[in-house]
Amino acid sequence: GIEAELVGPPVVFSHPSVTRIRVGRTVYRHDGCHPALGSML
């Protein structure tokens, strides 16, 4: 959200398809993915 910030050791993050992200070794279905407003990072 806009409230909590988490930091930690590097974890794999990718977009294997338009409707899925990969975090670590697991792929999750999402409902939307786009650059954050105000920051392309």
All heavy atoms as atom14 arrays in JSON, in Angstrom:
{
  "sequence": "GIEAELVGPPVVFSHPSVTRIRVGRTVYRHDGCHPALGSML",
  "atom14_mask": [
    [1, 1, 1, 1, 0, 0, 0, 0, 0, 0, 0, 0, 0, 0],
    [1, 1, 1, 1, 1, 1, 1, 1, 0, 0, 0, 0, 0, 0],
    [1, 1, 1, 1, 1, 1, 1, 1, 1, 0, 0, 0, 0, 0],
    [1, 1, 1, 1, 1, 0, 0, 0, 0, 0, 0, 0, 0, 0],
    [1, 1, 1, 1, 1, 1, 1, 1, 1, 0, 0, 0, 0, 0],
    [1, 1, 1, 1, 1, 1, 1, 1, 0, 0, 0, 0, 0, 0],
    [1, 1, 1, 1, 1, 1, 1, 0, 0, 0, 0, 0, 0, 0],
    [1, 1, 1, 1, 0, 0, 0, 0, 0, 0, 0, 0, 0, 0],
    [1, 1, 1, 1, 1, 1, 1, 0, 0, 0, 0, 0, 0, 0],
    [1, 1, 1, 1, 1, 1, 1, 0, 0, 0, 0, 0, 0, 0],
    [1, 1, 1, 1, 1, 1, 1, 0, 0, 0, 0, 0, 0, 0],
    [1, 1, 1, 1, 1, 1, 1, 0, 0, 0, 0, 0, 0, 0],
    [1, 1, 1, 1, 1, 1, 1, 1, 1, 1, 1, 0, 0, 0],
    [1, 1, 1, 1, 1, 1, 0, 0, 0, 0, 0, 0, 0, 0],
    [1, 1, 1, 1, 1, 1, 1, 1, 1, 1, 0, 0, 0, 0],
    [1, 1, 1, 1, 1, 1, 1, 0, 0, 0, 0, 0, 0, 0],
    [1, 1, 1, 1, 1, 1, 0, 0, 0, 0, 0, 0, 0, 0],
    [1, 1, 1, 1, 1, 1, 1, 0, 0, 0, 0, 0, 0, 0],
    [1, 1, 1, 1, 1, 1, 1, 0, 0, 0, 0, 0, 0, 0],
    [1, 1, 1, 1, 1, 1, 1, 1, 1, 1, 1, 0, 0, 0],
    [1, 1, 1, 1, 1, 1, 1, 1, 0, 0, 0, 0, 0, 0],
    [1, 1, 1, 1, 1, 1, 1, 1, 1, 1, 1, 0, 0, 0],
    [1, 1, 1, 1, 1, 1, 1, 0, 0, 0, 0, 0, 0, 0],
    [1, 1, 1, 1, 0, 0, 0, 0, 0, 0, 0, 0, 0, 0],
    [1, 1, 1, 1, 1, 1, 1, 1, 1, 1, 1, 0, 0, 0],
    [1, 1, 1, 1, 1, 1, 1, 0, 0, 0, 0, 0, 0, 0],
    [1, 1, 1, 1, 1, 1, 1, 0, 0, 0, 0, 0, 0, 0],
    [1, 1, 1, 1, 1, 1, 1, 1, 1, 1, 1, 1, 0, 0],
    [1, 1, 1, 1, 1, 1, 1, 1, 1, 1, 1, 0, 0, 0],
    [1, 1, 1, 1, 1, 1, 1, 1, 1, 1, 0, 0, 0, 0],
    [1, 1, 1, 1, 1, 1, 1, 1, 0, 0, 0, 0, 0, 0],
    [1, 1, 1, 1, 0, 0, 0, 0, 0, 0, 0, 0, 0, 0],
    [1, 1, 1, 1, 1, 1, 0, 0, 0, 0, 0, 0, 0, 0],
    [1, 1, 1, 1, 1, 1, 1, 1, 1, 1, 0, 0, 0, 0],
    [1, 1, 1, 1, 1, 1, 1, 0, 0, 0, 0, 0, 0, 0],
    [1, 1, 1, 1, 1, 0, 0, 0, 0, 0, 0, 0, 0, 0],
    [1, 1, 1, 1, 1, 1, 1, 1, 0, 0, 0, 0, 0, 0],
    [1, 1, 1, 1, 0, 0, 0, 0, 0, 0, 0, 0, 0, 0],
    [1, 1, 1, 1, 1, 1, 0, 0, 0, 0, 0, 0, 0, 0],
    [1, 1, 1, 1, 1, 1, 1, 1, 0, 0, 0, 0, 0, 0],
    [1, 1, 1, 1, 1, 1, 1, 1, 0, 0, 0, 0, 0, 0]
  ],
  "atom14_positions": [
    [[0.86, -1.18, 0.0], [0.0, 0.0, 0.0], [0.9, 1.23, 0.0], [1.93, 1.24, -0.65], [0.0, 0.0, 0.0], [0.0, 0.0, 0.0], [0.0, 0.0, 0.0], [0.0, 0.0, 0.0], [0.0, 0.0, 0.0], [0.0, 0.0, 0.0], [0.0, 0.0, 0.0], [0.0, 0.0, 0.0], [0.0, 0.0, 0.0], [0.0, 0.0, 0.0]],
    [[0.51, 2.24, 0.75], [1.38, 3.42, 0.85], [1.98, 3.53, 2.24], [2.65, 4.5, 2.55], [0.6, 4.71, 0.51], [-0.58, 4.88, 1.46], [0.16, 4.71, -0.93], [-1.23, 6.24, 1.39], [0.0, 0.0, 0.0], [0.0, 0.0, 0.0], [0.0, 0.0, 0.0], [0.0, 0.0, 0.0], [0.0, 0.0, 0.0], [0.0, 0.0, 0.0]],
    [[1.75, 2.53, 3.06], [2.11, 2.62, 4.47], [3.38, 1.91, 4.89], [4.17, 2.45, 5.64], [0.95, 2.09, 5.33], [-0.32, 2.89, 5.21], [-0.24, 4.23, 5.92], [0.49, 4.33, 6.91], [-0.89, 5.17, 5.46], [0.0, 0.0, 0.0], [0.0, 0.0, 0.0], [0.0, 0.0, 0.0], [0.0, 0.0, 0.0], [0.0, 0.0, 0.0]],
    [[3.56, 0.67, 4.47], [4.63, -0.16, 5.03], [5.75, -0.39, 4.03], [5.49, -0.66, 2.86], [4.06, -1.5, 5.49], [0.0, 0.0, 0.0], [0.0, 0.0, 0.0], [0.0, 0.0, 0.0], [0.0, 0.0, 0.0], [0.0, 0.0, 0.0], [0.0, 0.0, 0.0], [0.0, 0.0, 0.0], [0.0, 0.0, 0.0], [0.0, 0.0, 0.0]],
    [[6.97, -0.28, 4.5], [8.13, -0.54, 3.65], [8.93, -1.7, 4.22], [9.23, -1.74, 5.41], [9.01, 0.69, 3.56], [10.15, 0.54, 2.58], [10.83, 1.85, 2.29], [10.16, 2.8, 1.86], [12.06, 1.91, 2.51], [0.0, 0.0, 0.0], [0.0, 0.0, 0.0], [0.0, 0.0, 0.0], [0.0, 0.0, 0.0], [0.0, 0.0, 0.0]],
    [[9.25, -2.65, 3.34], [10.0, -3.84, 3.71], [11.32, -3.86, 2.96], [11.38, -3.46, 1.8], [9.2, -5.1, 3.35], [7.74, -5.16, 3.8], [7.07, -6.41, 3.24], [7.65, -5.11, 5.3], [0.0, 0.0, 0.0], [0.0, 0.0, 0.0], [0.0, 0.0, 0.0], [0.0, 0.0, 0.0], [0.0, 0.0, 0.0], [0.0, 0.0, 0.0]],
    [[12.37, -4.31, 3.61], [13.67, -4.45, 2.97], [14.26, -5.81, 3.36], [13.95, -6.35, 4.42], [14.66, -3.32, 3.35], [14.15, -1.97, 2.88], [14.93, -3.31, 4.84], [0.0, 0.0, 0.0], [0.0, 0.0, 0.0], [0.0, 0.0, 0.0], [0.0, 0.0, 0.0], [0.0, 0.0, 0.0], [0.0, 0.0, 0.0], [0.0, 0.0, 0.0]],
    [[15.1, -6.33, 2.49], [15.71, -7.61, 2.78], [16.7, -8.03, 1.73], [16.99, -7.28, 0.79], [0.0, 0.0, 0.0], [0.0, 0.0, 0.0], [0.0, 0.0, 0.0], [0.0, 0.0, 0.0], [0.0, 0.0, 0.0], [0.0, 0.0, 0.0], [0.0, 0.0, 0.0], [0.0, 0.0, 0.0], [0.0, 0.0, 0.0], [0.0, 0.0, 0.0]],
    [[17.21, -9.25, 1.87], [18.17, -9.75, 0.89], [17.49, -9.88, -0.48], [16.27, -10.04, -0.56], [18.57, -11.12, 1.45], [17.51, -11.49, 2.42], [16.89, -10.22, 2.91], [0.0, 0.0, 0.0], [0.0, 0.0, 0.0], [0.0, 0.0, 0.0], [0.0, 0.0, 0.0], [0.0, 0.0, 0.0], [0.0, 0.0, 0.0], [0.0, 0.0, 0.0]],
    [[18.27, -9.8, -1.55], [17.68, -9.86, -2.89], [16.81, -11.1, -3.1], [17.18, -12.2, -2.69], [18.89, -9.91, -3.82], [20.02, -9.38, -3.02], [19.73, -9.72, -1.59], [0.0, 0.0, 0.0], [0.0, 0.0, 0.0], [0.0, 0.0, 0.0], [0.0, 0.0, 0.0], [0.0, 0.0, 0.0], [0.0, 0.0, 0.0], [0.0, 0.0, 0.0]],
    [[15.65, -10.89, -3.7], [14.76, -11.98, -4.06], [14.43, -11.82, -5.54], [14.29, -10.7, -6.04], [13.49, -12.01, -3.17], [12.62, -10.78, -3.39], [12.68, -13.25, -3.41], [0.0, 0.0, 0.0], [0.0, 0.0, 0.0], [0.0, 0.0, 0.0], [0.0, 0.0, 0.0], [0.0, 0.0, 0.0], [0.0, 0.0, 0.0], [0.0, 0.0, 0.0]],
    [[14.35, -12.93, -6.25], [14.04, -12.9, -7.68], [12.67, -12.28, -7.89], [11.71, -12.58, -7.18], [14.07, -14.33, -8.27], [13.54, -14.35, -9.69], [15.48, -14.89, -8.22], [0.0, 0.0, 0.0], [0.0, 0.0, 0.0], [0.0, 0.0, 0.0], [0.0, 0.0, 0.0], [0.0, 0.0, 0.0], [0.0, 0.0, 0.0], [0.0, 0.0, 0.0]],
    [[12.58, -11.39, -8.87], [11.32, -10.76, -9.25], [11.3, -10.63, -10.76], [12.24, -10.1, -11.36], [11.19, -9.38, -8.61], [9.97, -8.62, -9.06], [8.72, -8.95, -8.56], [10.06, -7.61, -9.99], [7.59, -8.27, -8.97], [8.93, -6.92, -10.41], [7.69, -7.25, -9.9], [0.0, 0.0, 0.0], [0.0, 0.0, 0.0], [0.0, 0.0, 0.0]],
    [[10.24, -11.13, -11.39], [10.13, -11.01, -12.85], [8.67, -11.05, -13.26], [7.78, -11.28, -12.44], [10.92, -12.11, -13.56], [10.35, -13.38, -13.27], [0.0, 0.0, 0.0], [0.0, 0.0, 0.0], [0.0, 0.0, 0.0], [0.0, 0.0, 0.0], [0.0, 0.0, 0.0], [0.0, 0.0, 0.0], [0.0, 0.0, 0.0], [0.0, 0.0, 0.0]],
    [[8.44, -10.83, -14.55], [7.12, -10.85, -15.17], [7.1, -11.95, -16.22], [7.33, -11.68, -17.41], [6.82, -9.52, -15.87], [6.93, -8.32, -15.0], [5.88, -7.84, -14.27], [7.97, -7.48, -14.75], [6.25, -6.77, -13.61], [7.52, -6.53, -13.88], [0.0, 0.0, 0.0], [0.0, 0.0, 0.0], [0.0, 0.0, 0.0], [0.0, 0.0, 0.0]],
    [[6.82, -13.2, -15.84], [6.84, -14.27, -16.84], [5.7, -14.17, -17.86], [5.79, -14.74, -18.94], [6.74, -15.55, -16.03], [6.24, -15.15, -14.69], [6.61, -13.72, -14.5], [0.0, 0.0, 0.0], [0.0, 0.0, 0.0], [0.0, 0.0, 0.0], [0.0, 0.0, 0.0], [0.0, 0.0, 0.0], [0.0, 0.0, 0.0], [0.0, 0.0, 0.0]],
    [[4.64, -13.43, -17.54], [3.56, -13.2, -18.5], [2.83, -11.92, -18.12], [3.12, -11.32, -17.08], [2.58, -14.38, -18.53], [1.73, -14.36, -17.41], [0.0, 0.0, 0.0], [0.0, 0.0, 0.0], [0.0, 0.0, 0.0], [0.0, 0.0, 0.0], [0.0, 0.0, 0.0], [0.0, 0.0, 0.0], [0.0, 0.0, 0.0], [0.0, 0.0, 0.0]],
    [[1.89, -11.53, -18.92], [1.15, -10.29, -18.7], [0.34, -10.32, -17.4], [0.15, -9.29, -16.76], [0.21, -10.01, -19.9], [-0.65, -8.8, -19.67], [1.03, -9.84, -21.16], [0.0, 0.0, 0.0], [0.0, 0.0, 0.0], [0.0, 0.0, 0.0], [0.0, 0.0, 0.0], [0.0, 0.0, 0.0], [0.0, 0.0, 0.0], [0.0, 0.0, 0.0]],
    [[-0.08, -11.49, -16.97], [-0.94, -11.6, -15.79], [-0.26, -12.27, -14.6], [-0.91, -12.61, -13.63], [-2.22, -12.39, -16.12], [-1.84, -13.71, -16.55], [-3.03, -11.7, -17.18], [0.0, 0.0, 0.0], [0.0, 0.0, 0.0], [0.0, 0.0, 0.0], [0.0, 0.0, 0.0], [0.0, 0.0, 0.0], [0.0, 0.0, 0.0], [0.0, 0.0, 0.0]],
    [[1.06, -12.44, -14.68], [1.75, -13.14, -13.61], [3.07, -12.46, -13.25], [3.73, -11.87, -14.09], [2.03, -14.58, -14.01], [0.74, -15.37, -14.21], [0.96, -16.81, -14.44], [-0.12, -17.73, -14.59], [-1.41, -17.54, -14.56], [-1.88, -16.37, -14.39], [-2.29, -18.5, -14.71], [0.0, 0.0, 0.0], [0.0, 0.0, 0.0], [0.0, 0.0, 0.0]],
    [[3.43, -12.58, -11.95], [4.76, -12.15, -11.49], [5.4, -13.35, -10.81], [4.73, -14.26, -10.35], [4.69, -10.96, -10.51], [3.86, -11.32, -9.27], [4.23, -9.71, -11.2], [4.02, -10.36, -8.11], [0.0, 0.0, 0.0], [0.0, 0.0, 0.0], [0.0, 0.0, 0.0], [0.0, 0.0, 0.0], [0.0, 0.0, 0.0], [0.0, 0.0, 0.0]],
    [[6.71, -13.31, -10.78], [7.47, -14.33, -10.06], [8.19, -13.65, -8.92], [8.9, -12.66, -9.11], [8.48, -14.99, -10.99], [9.33, -16.02, -10.29], [10.3, -16.66, -11.24], [11.17, -17.55, -10.5], [12.35, -17.94, -10.93], [12.79, -17.56, -12.11], [13.09, -18.73, -10.2], [0.0, 0.0, 0.0], [0.0, 0.0, 0.0], [0.0, 0.0, 0.0]],
    [[7.98, -14.19, -7.71], [8.69, -13.72, -6.53], [9.35, -14.95, -5.94], [8.68, -15.9, -5.53], [7.73, -13.06, -5.51], [8.5, -12.61, -4.27], [6.99, -11.89, -6.14], [0.0, 0.0, 0.0], [0.0, 0.0, 0.0], [0.0, 0.0, 0.0], [0.0, 0.0, 0.0], [0.0, 0.0, 0.0], [0.0, 0.0, 0.0], [0.0, 0.0, 0.0]],
    [[10.67, -14.94, -5.9], [11.39, -16.15, -5.5], [11.15, -17.23, -6.55], [11.29, -16.98, -7.73], [0.0, 0.0, 0.0], [0.0, 0.0, 0.0], [0.0, 0.0, 0.0], [0.0, 0.0, 0.0], [0.0, 0.0, 0.0], [0.0, 0.0, 0.0], [0.0, 0.0, 0.0], [0.0, 0.0, 0.0], [0.0, 0.0, 0.0], [0.0, 0.0, 0.0]],
    [[10.75, -18.39, -6.12], [10.5, -19.5, -7.05], [9.03, -19.67, -7.39], [8.67, -20.6, -8.11], [11.03, -20.8, -6.46], [12.53, -20.8, -6.31], [13.0, -22.1, -5.75], [14.46, -22.09, -5.67], [15.16, -23.07, -5.18], [14.57, -24.15, -4.7], [16.46, -22.99, -5.14], [0.0, 0.0, 0.0], [0.0, 0.0, 0.0], [0.0, 0.0, 0.0]],
    [[8.18, -18.82, -6.83], [6.74, -18.98, -7.0], [6.18, -17.94, -7.96], [6.57, -16.77, -7.92], [6.03, -18.86, -5.63], [6.64, -19.78, -4.72], [4.56, -19.17, -5.75], [0.0, 0.0, 0.0], [0.0, 0.0, 0.0], [0.0, 0.0, 0.0], [0.0, 0.0, 0.0], [0.0, 0.0, 0.0], [0.0, 0.0, 0.0], [0.0, 0.0, 0.0]],
    [[5.25, -18.37, -8.79], [4.58, -17.48, -9.74], [3.17, -17.21, -9.21], [2.47, -18.11, -8.78], [4.52, -18.13, -11.14], [3.72, -17.26, -12.11], [5.93, -18.36, -11.68], [0.0, 0.0, 0.0], [0.0, 0.0, 0.0], [0.0, 0.0, 0.0], [0.0, 0.0, 0.0], [0.0, 0.0, 0.0], [0.0, 0.0, 0.0], [0.0, 0.0, 0.0]],
    [[2.79, -15.93, -9.22], [1.5, -15.49, -8.71], [0.73, -14.76, -9.81], [1.3, -13.97, -10.56], [1.68, -14.51, -7.54], [2.47, -15.06, -6.39], [3.85, -14.86, -6.31], [1.84, -15.79, -5.39], [4.58, -15.36, -5.25], [2.58, -16.29, -4.32], [3.94, -16.07, -4.25], [4.66, -16.57, -3.21], [0.0, 0.0, 0.0], [0.0, 0.0, 0.0]],
    [[-0.58, -15.01, -9.87], [-1.44, -14.29, -10.81], [-1.83, -12.96, -10.16], [-2.15, -12.91, -8.98], [-2.7, -15.1, -11.13], [-3.54, -14.49, -12.24], [-4.7, -15.38, -12.64], [-5.67, -15.57, -11.58], [-6.62, -14.71, -11.27], [-6.73, -13.57, -11.92], [-7.46, -14.96, -10.28], [0.0, 0.0, 0.0], [0.0, 0.0, 0.0], [0.0, 0.0, 0.0]],
    [[-1.78, -11.89, -10.94], [-2.16, -10.56, -10.43], [-3.27, -9.98, -11.3], [-3.64, -10.54, -12.33], [-0.95, -9.63, -10.38], [-0.3, -9.39, -11.71], [-0.84, -8.56, -12.66], [0.84, -9.89, -12.25], [-0.06, -8.54, -13.72], [0.97, -9.34, -13.49], [0.0, 0.0, 0.0], [0.0, 0.0, 0.0], [0.0, 0.0, 0.0], [0.0, 0.0, 0.0]],
    [[-3.8, -8.84, -10.88], [-4.89, -8.2, -11.59], [-4.47, -6.92, -12.29], [-5.3, -6.2, -12.83], [-6.04, -7.93, -10.62], [-6.57, -9.23, -10.02], [-6.94, -10.12, -10.79], [-6.56, -9.36, -8.78], [0.0, 0.0, 0.0], [0.0, 0.0, 0.0], [0.0, 0.0, 0.0], [0.0, 0.0, 0.0], [0.0, 0.0, 0.0], [0.0, 0.0, 0.0]],
    [[-3.18, -6.62, -12.29], [-2.67, -5.45, -12.98], [-1.24, -5.18, -12.57], [-0.86, -5.4, -11.41], [0.0, 0.0, 0.0], [0.0, 0.0, 0.0], [0.0, 0.0, 0.0], [0.0, 0.0, 0.0], [0.0, 0.0, 0.0], [0.0, 0.0, 0.0], [0.0, 0.0, 0.0], [0.0, 0.0, 0.0], [0.0, 0.0, 0.0], [0.0, 0.0, 0.0]],
    [[-0.44, -4.73, -13.52], [0.95, -4.4, -13.24], [1.35, -3.24, -14.14], [1.12, -3.27, -15.34], [1.84, -5.61, -13.48], [3.58, -5.32, -13.06], [0.0, 0.0, 0.0], [0.0, 0.0, 0.0], [0.0, 0.0, 0.0], [0.0, 0.0, 0.0], [0.0, 0.0, 0.0], [0.0, 0.0, 0.0], [0.0, 0.0, 0.0], [0.0, 0.0, 0.0]],
    [[1.93, -2.2, -13.54], [2.34, -1.03, -14.3], [3.4, -0.27, -13.5], [3.54, -0.49, -12.29], [1.14, -0.14, -14.61], [0.32, 0.19, -13.39], [0.63, 1.21, -12.54], [-0.79, -0.4, -12.87], [-0.24, 1.26, -11.55], [-1.11, 0.28, -11.73], [0.0, 0.0, 0.0], [0.0, 0.0, 0.0], [0.0, 0.0, 0.0], [0.0, 0.0, 0.0]],
    [[4.12, 0.64, -14.16], [5.08, 1.46, -13.4], [4.34, 2.29, -12.35], [3.22, 2.74, -12.59], [5.71, 2.37, -14.46], [5.45, 1.68, -15.76], [4.16, 0.94, -15.59], [0.0, 0.0, 0.0], [0.0, 0.0, 0.0], [0.0, 0.0, 0.0], [0.0, 0.0, 0.0], [0.0, 0.0, 0.0], [0.0, 0.0, 0.0], [0.0, 0.0, 0.0]],
    [[4.96, 2.47, -11.2], [4.36, 3.27, -10.14], [4.25, 4.72, -10.59], [5.12, 5.23, -11.29], [5.19, 3.17, -8.86], [0.0, 0.0, 0.0], [0.0, 0.0, 0.0], [0.0, 0.0, 0.0], [0.0, 0.0, 0.0], [0.0, 0.0, 0.0], [0.0, 0.0, 0.0], [0.0, 0.0, 0.0], [0.0, 0.0, 0.0], [0.0, 0.0, 0.0]],
    [[3.17, 5.38, -10.19], [3.0, 6.78, -10.53], [4.13, 7.6, -9.91], [4.44, 7.44, -8.74], [1.66, 7.3, -10.02], [0.43, 6.68, -10.67], [-0.83, 7.22, -10.0], [0.4, 6.99, -12.16], [0.0, 0.0, 0.0], [0.0, 0.0, 0.0], [0.0, 0.0, 0.0], [0.0, 0.0, 0.0], [0.0, 0.0, 0.0], [0.0, 0.0, 0.0]],
    [[4.75, 8.44, -10.7], [5.79, 9.31, -10.2], [7.18, 8.69, -10.17], [8.15, 9.39, -9.94], [0.0, 0.0, 0.0], [0.0, 0.0, 0.0], [0.0, 0.0, 0.0], [0.0, 0.0, 0.0], [0.0, 0.0, 0.0], [0.0, 0.0, 0.0], [0.0, 0.0, 0.0], [0.0, 0.0, 0.0], [0.0, 0.0, 0.0], [0.0, 0.0, 0.0]],
    [[7.3, 7.4, -10.4], [8.61, 6.78, -10.37], [8.63, 5.56, -11.28], [7.91, 4.6, -11.08], [8.99, 6.34, -8.95], [10.22, 5.65, -8.99], [0.0, 0.0, 0.0], [0.0, 0.0, 0.0], [0.0, 0.0, 0.0], [0.0, 0.0, 0.0], [0.0, 0.0, 0.0], [0.0, 0.0, 0.0], [0.0, 0.0, 0.0], [0.0, 0.0, 0.0]],
    [[9.47, 5.62, -12.28], [9.62, 4.49, -13.19], [10.51, 3.4, -12.6], [10.74, 2.39, -13.22], [10.2, 4.96, -14.53], [9.32, 5.94, -15.27], [7.74, 5.23, -15.75], [8.25, 4.16, -17.07], [0.0, 0.0, 0.0], [0.0, 0.0, 0.0], [0.0, 0.0, 0.0], [0.0, 0.0, 0.0], [0.0, 0.0, 0.0], [0.0, 0.0, 0.0]],
    [[11.02, 3.61, -11.39], [11.92, 2.64, -10.77], [11.15, 1.56, -10.02], [11.73, 0.56, -9.61], [12.89, 3.34, -9.82], [13.78, 4.4, -10.47], [14.66, 5.05, -9.42], [14.6, 3.82, -11.59], [0.0, 0.0, 0.0], [0.0, 0.0, 0.0], [0.0, 0.0, 0.0], [0.0, 0.0, 0.0], [0.0, 0.0, 0.0], [0.0, 0.0, 0.0]]
  ]
}
